[in-house]
Amino acid sequence: MAWYYWIILIVIAIFIIAYYSDKIKRERLMKKYKDPELVEKLMQGLFWIGQTKRELTDSLGKPLDINEQVLKTKTKEIWKYNKTGNNRYALKITLENSEVVGWDKK
């Protein structure tokens, strides 16, 4: 019967850690951006056209892979998330000059 108590304590500890890490991230983003609406979008892991590299990193984290092309008038990058196989990704986000211009989600 005592092992039930340990399992309950471990589950409670996991919830407390998740709550405080979420709270700390929200506070860090509020200091950084000073915009509650933007912070809420970032906390939800959303992405949108016109989003900056910095906001995208705060929203989804660092990409697993980046393809970069430097052209005469712009820099084009494809950020890849959620690897599904050998060089296959469920989400590819295209950035031009450090702003999101589109994505391919499978």
N, C-alpha and C. Protein backbone atom coordinates (compact mmCIF):
# COMPACT_ATOMS: atom_id res chain seq x y z
N MET A 1 0.81 -1.20 0.00
CA MET A 1 0.00 0.00 0.00
C MET A 1 0.86 1.27 0.00
N ALA A 2 2.06 1.18 0.56
CA ALA A 2 2.93 2.35 0.65
C ALA A 2 3.40 2.83 -0.72
N TRP A 3 3.52 1.94 -1.69
CA TRP A 3 3.99 2.36 -3.01
C TRP A 3 2.96 3.25 -3.70
N TYR A 4 1.68 3.14 -3.35
CA TYR A 4 0.65 4.05 -3.91
C TYR A 4 0.97 5.49 -3.54
N TYR A 5 1.38 5.69 -2.29
CA TYR A 5 1.71 7.03 -1.83
C TYR A 5 2.89 7.61 -2.61
N TRP A 6 3.87 6.80 -2.89
CA TRP A 6 5.02 7.28 -3.68
C TRP A 6 4.59 7.68 -5.08
N ILE A 7 3.73 6.90 -5.69
CA ILE A 7 3.25 7.23 -7.04
C ILE A 7 2.46 8.54 -7.01
N ILE A 8 1.61 8.70 -6.02
CA ILE A 8 0.83 9.94 -5.89
C ILE A 8 1.76 11.13 -5.69
N LEU A 9 2.77 10.99 -4.84
CA LEU A 9 3.72 12.08 -4.61
C LEU A 9 4.50 12.43 -5.88
N ILE A 10 4.89 11.44 -6.63
CA ILE A 10 5.63 11.68 -7.87
C ILE A 10 4.75 12.42 -8.88
N VAL A 11 3.50 12.02 -9.01
CA VAL A 11 2.58 12.68 -9.95
C VAL A 11 2.34 14.13 -9.53
N ILE A 12 2.16 14.37 -8.25
CA ILE A 12 1.97 15.73 -7.74
C ILE A 12 3.22 16.57 -8.01
N ALA A 13 4.40 16.00 -7.79
CA ALA A 13 5.65 16.72 -8.05
C ALA A 13 5.78 17.09 -9.52
N ILE A 14 5.39 16.18 -10.41
CA ILE A 14 5.46 16.46 -11.85
C ILE A 14 4.55 17.64 -12.21
N PHE A 15 3.33 17.65 -11.66
CA PHE A 15 2.41 18.76 -11.94
C PHE A 15 2.94 20.09 -11.41
N ILE A 16 3.53 20.07 -10.23
CA ILE A 16 4.08 21.30 -9.66
C ILE A 16 5.24 21.82 -10.50
N ILE A 17 6.12 20.94 -10.92
CA ILE A 17 7.26 21.34 -11.76
C ILE A 17 6.77 21.90 -13.09
N ALA A 18 5.78 21.26 -13.71
CA ALA A 18 5.24 21.74 -14.99
C ALA A 18 4.60 23.12 -14.82
N TYR A 19 3.87 23.32 -13.74
CA TYR A 19 3.21 24.60 -13.49
C TYR A 19 4.24 25.72 -13.34
N TYR A 20 5.27 25.48 -12.53
CA TYR A 20 6.26 26.53 -12.29
C TYR A 20 7.14 26.79 -13.51
N SER A 21 7.46 25.78 -14.29
CA SER A 21 8.25 26.02 -15.49
C SER A 21 7.45 26.83 -16.50
N ASP A 22 6.14 26.57 -16.60
CA ASP A 22 5.27 27.34 -17.47
C ASP A 22 5.18 28.80 -17.00
N LYS A 23 5.05 28.97 -15.70
CA LYS A 23 4.96 30.31 -15.12
C LYS A 23 6.25 31.10 -15.35
N ILE A 24 7.40 30.45 -15.18
CA ILE A 24 8.69 31.11 -15.39
C ILE A 24 8.86 31.52 -16.85
N LYS A 25 8.46 30.63 -17.77
CA LYS A 25 8.57 30.96 -19.19
C LYS A 25 7.67 32.15 -19.53
N ARG A 26 6.44 32.16 -19.01
CA ARG A 26 5.52 33.28 -19.27
C ARG A 26 6.10 34.59 -18.76
N GLU A 27 6.67 34.59 -17.56
CA GLU A 27 7.27 35.81 -17.00
C GLU A 27 8.46 36.28 -17.83
N ARG A 28 9.29 35.33 -18.29
CA ARG A 28 10.45 35.69 -19.12
C ARG A 28 9.99 36.33 -20.43
N LEU A 29 8.94 35.76 -21.04
CA LEU A 29 8.43 36.31 -22.30
C LEU A 29 7.79 37.68 -22.09
N MET A 30 7.12 37.89 -20.96
CA MET A 30 6.52 39.21 -20.68
C MET A 30 7.60 40.27 -20.51
N LYS A 31 8.71 39.91 -19.86
CA LYS A 31 9.81 40.86 -19.74
C LYS A 31 10.40 41.19 -21.10
N LYS A 32 10.47 40.18 -21.95
CA LYS A 32 11.11 40.33 -23.26
C LYS A 32 10.24 41.13 -24.24
N TYR A 33 8.93 40.83 -24.30
CA TYR A 33 8.07 41.42 -25.33
C TYR A 33 7.11 42.49 -24.81
N LYS A 34 6.74 42.45 -23.53
CA LYS A 34 5.84 43.43 -22.92
C LYS A 34 4.50 43.53 -23.65
N ASP A 35 4.00 42.41 -24.18
CA ASP A 35 2.73 42.37 -24.89
C ASP A 35 1.99 41.08 -24.50
N PRO A 36 0.94 41.19 -23.67
CA PRO A 36 0.25 39.99 -23.19
C PRO A 36 -0.35 39.13 -24.31
N GLU A 37 -0.88 39.74 -25.35
CA GLU A 37 -1.46 38.98 -26.46
C GLU A 37 -0.40 38.17 -27.20
N LEU A 38 0.74 38.78 -27.46
CA LEU A 38 1.84 38.10 -28.13
C LEU A 38 2.36 36.95 -27.26
N VAL A 39 2.52 37.21 -25.98
CA VAL A 39 3.01 36.17 -25.07
C VAL A 39 2.05 34.99 -25.03
N GLU A 40 0.76 35.24 -25.05
CA GLU A 40 -0.22 34.15 -25.05
C GLU A 40 -0.10 33.30 -26.31
N LYS A 41 0.09 33.94 -27.46
CA LYS A 41 0.29 33.20 -28.71
C LYS A 41 1.55 32.34 -28.65
N LEU A 42 2.61 32.91 -28.12
CA LEU A 42 3.88 32.17 -28.01
C LEU A 42 3.75 30.99 -27.05
N MET A 43 3.04 31.19 -25.96
CA MET A 43 2.85 30.11 -24.98
C MET A 43 2.03 28.96 -25.57
N GLN A 44 1.15 29.27 -26.50
CA GLN A 44 0.33 28.24 -27.15
C GLN A 44 1.07 27.53 -28.27
N GLY A 45 2.27 28.02 -28.62
CA GLY A 45 3.06 27.39 -29.67
C GLY A 45 2.55 27.71 -31.07
N LEU A 46 1.94 28.89 -31.23
CA LEU A 46 1.41 29.30 -32.53
C LEU A 46 2.50 29.95 -33.39
N PHE A 47 2.26 29.95 -34.70
CA PHE A 47 3.14 30.67 -35.63
C PHE A 47 2.25 31.32 -36.68
N TRP A 48 2.75 32.42 -37.29
CA TRP A 48 1.94 33.20 -38.22
C TRP A 48 2.83 33.94 -39.20
N ILE A 49 2.22 34.41 -40.28
CA ILE A 49 2.93 35.20 -41.29
C ILE A 49 3.39 36.50 -40.64
N GLY A 50 4.64 36.85 -40.87
CA GLY A 50 5.20 38.08 -40.32
C GLY A 50 5.90 37.89 -38.98
N GLN A 51 5.82 36.70 -38.41
CA GLN A 51 6.48 36.42 -37.14
C GLN A 51 7.99 36.45 -37.33
N THR A 52 8.69 37.00 -36.37
CA THR A 52 10.15 37.10 -36.46
C THR A 52 10.81 35.79 -36.03
N LYS A 53 12.08 35.66 -36.37
CA LYS A 53 12.87 34.49 -35.96
C LYS A 53 12.85 34.32 -34.45
N ARG A 54 13.03 35.40 -33.76
CA ARG A 54 13.08 35.38 -32.29
C ARG A 54 11.76 34.89 -31.70
N GLU A 55 10.65 35.40 -32.24
CA GLU A 55 9.34 34.97 -31.76
C GLU A 55 9.09 33.50 -32.10
N LEU A 56 9.51 33.08 -33.29
CA LEU A 56 9.32 31.69 -33.70
C LEU A 56 10.11 30.75 -32.78
N THR A 57 11.31 31.12 -32.45
CA THR A 57 12.12 30.31 -31.54
C THR A 57 11.48 30.24 -30.16
N ASP A 58 10.93 31.35 -29.69
CA ASP A 58 10.26 31.35 -28.38
C ASP A 58 8.97 30.54 -28.42
N SER A 59 8.34 30.46 -29.57
CA SER A 59 7.08 29.73 -29.71
C SER A 59 7.29 28.23 -29.87
N LEU A 60 8.14 27.82 -30.80
CA LEU A 60 8.30 26.40 -31.12
C LEU A 60 9.63 25.81 -30.67
N GLY A 61 10.54 26.64 -30.26
CA GLY A 61 11.87 26.15 -29.89
C GLY A 61 12.79 26.15 -31.09
N LYS A 62 13.99 25.66 -30.89
CA LYS A 62 14.96 25.61 -31.99
C LYS A 62 14.54 24.51 -32.97
N PRO A 63 14.72 24.76 -34.26
CA PRO A 63 14.37 23.74 -35.26
C PRO A 63 15.38 22.59 -35.23
N LEU A 64 14.93 21.44 -35.73
CA LEU A 64 15.82 20.28 -35.82
C LEU A 64 16.83 20.45 -36.94
N ASP A 65 16.43 21.19 -37.99
CA ASP A 65 17.31 21.40 -39.14
C ASP A 65 16.93 22.72 -39.80
N ILE A 66 17.91 23.37 -40.43
CA ILE A 66 17.68 24.62 -41.15
C ILE A 66 18.36 24.54 -42.51
N ASN A 67 17.61 24.84 -43.56
CA ASN A 67 18.18 25.00 -44.90
C ASN A 67 18.21 26.49 -45.19
N GLU A 68 19.37 26.99 -45.60
CA GLU A 68 19.52 28.42 -45.82
C GLU A 68 20.00 28.68 -47.24
N GLN A 69 19.36 29.67 -47.91
CA GLN A 69 19.78 30.13 -49.23
C GLN A 69 19.98 31.64 -49.15
N VAL A 70 21.14 32.09 -49.59
CA VAL A 70 21.40 33.53 -49.63
C VAL A 70 21.32 33.96 -51.09
N LEU A 71 20.33 34.81 -51.36
CA LEU A 71 20.11 35.32 -52.71
C LEU A 71 20.55 36.79 -52.77
N LYS A 72 20.45 37.40 -53.94
CA LYS A 72 20.91 38.79 -54.10
C LYS A 72 20.14 39.75 -53.20
N THR A 73 18.81 39.59 -53.16
CA THR A 73 17.99 40.58 -52.45
C THR A 73 17.41 40.07 -51.13
N LYS A 74 17.57 38.78 -50.84
CA LYS A 74 16.98 38.26 -49.60
C LYS A 74 17.69 36.99 -49.14
N THR A 75 17.45 36.65 -47.91
CA THR A 75 17.92 35.39 -47.34
C THR A 75 16.70 34.53 -47.08
N LYS A 76 16.73 33.30 -47.56
CA LYS A 76 15.60 32.39 -47.40
C LYS A 76 16.04 31.21 -46.54
N GLU A 77 15.26 30.92 -45.51
CA GLU A 77 15.55 29.79 -44.63
C GLU A 77 14.32 28.91 -44.51
N ILE A 78 14.53 27.62 -44.39
CA ILE A 78 13.44 26.69 -44.10
C ILE A 78 13.79 26.01 -42.79
N TRP A 79 12.96 26.27 -41.78
CA TRP A 79 13.14 25.67 -40.46
C TRP A 79 12.30 24.41 -40.40
N LYS A 80 12.90 23.32 -39.96
CA LYS A 80 12.22 22.02 -39.97
C LYS A 80 12.00 21.52 -38.54
N TYR A 81 10.76 21.09 -38.29
CA TYR A 81 10.35 20.58 -36.99
C TYR A 81 9.67 19.22 -37.15
N ASN A 82 9.63 18.45 -36.08
CA ASN A 82 8.90 17.18 -36.00
C ASN A 82 9.36 16.16 -37.05
N LYS A 83 10.53 15.64 -36.86
CA LYS A 83 11.09 14.66 -37.80
C LYS A 83 10.23 13.40 -37.85
N THR A 84 9.89 12.96 -39.07
CA THR A 84 9.06 11.77 -39.25
C THR A 84 9.81 10.63 -39.91
N GLY A 85 10.96 10.92 -40.49
CA GLY A 85 11.75 9.90 -41.16
C GLY A 85 13.06 10.49 -41.61
N ASN A 86 13.77 9.74 -42.47
CA ASN A 86 15.04 10.21 -42.98
C ASN A 86 14.83 11.44 -43.85
N ASN A 87 15.26 12.60 -43.37
CA ASN A 87 15.11 13.89 -44.05
C ASN A 87 13.64 14.21 -44.36
N ARG A 88 12.74 13.77 -43.50
CA ARG A 88 11.31 14.09 -43.64
C ARG A 88 10.85 14.74 -42.34
N TYR A 89 10.09 15.83 -42.50
CA TYR A 89 9.63 16.59 -41.35
C TYR A 89 8.15 16.91 -41.51
N ALA A 90 7.41 16.88 -40.40
CA ALA A 90 5.98 17.14 -40.42
C ALA A 90 5.69 18.63 -40.56
N LEU A 91 6.63 19.50 -40.17
CA LEU A 91 6.42 20.94 -40.24
C LEU A 91 7.67 21.61 -40.79
N LYS A 92 7.48 22.38 -41.87
CA LYS A 92 8.57 23.18 -42.45
C LYS A 92 8.07 24.61 -42.53
N ILE A 93 8.80 25.51 -41.90
CA ILE A 93 8.42 26.93 -41.89
C ILE A 93 9.44 27.71 -42.70
N THR A 94 8.94 28.49 -43.65
CA THR A 94 9.79 29.28 -44.55
C THR A 94 9.91 30.70 -44.03
N LEU A 95 11.15 31.17 -43.91
CA LEU A 95 11.43 32.55 -43.50
C LEU A 95 12.19 33.26 -44.61
N GLU A 96 11.83 34.50 -44.86
CA GLU A 96 12.59 35.36 -45.77
C GLU A 96 12.96 36.61 -45.00
N ASN A 97 14.24 36.94 -45.02
CA ASN A 97 14.77 38.09 -44.29
C ASN A 97 14.30 38.07 -42.83
N SER A 98 14.38 36.90 -42.22
CA SER A 98 14.10 36.69 -40.79
C SER A 98 12.64 36.84 -40.39
N GLU A 99 11.71 36.72 -41.35
CA GLU A 99 10.28 36.75 -41.03
C GLU A 99 9.58 35.57 -41.69
N VAL A 100 8.60 35.00 -40.99
CA VAL A 100 7.83 33.88 -41.53
C VAL A 100 7.00 34.35 -42.72
N VAL A 101 7.12 33.60 -43.84
CA VAL A 101 6.34 33.91 -45.04
C VAL A 101 5.42 32.76 -45.43
N GLY A 102 5.60 31.60 -44.79
CA GLY A 102 4.74 30.46 -45.10
C GLY A 102 5.21 29.21 -44.40
N TRP A 103 4.41 28.14 -44.55
CA TRP A 103 4.78 26.85 -43.94
C TRP A 103 4.09 25.72 -44.66
N ASP A 104 4.64 24.54 -44.44
CA ASP A 104 4.09 23.30 -45.00
C ASP A 104 3.94 22.34 -43.83
N LYS A 105 2.69 22.03 -43.49
CA LYS A 105 2.41 21.16 -42.35
C LYS A 105 1.75 19.90 -42.86
N LYS A 106 2.32 18.75 -42.51
CA LYS A 106 1.78 17.47 -42.98
C LYS A 106 1.20 16.69 -41.84
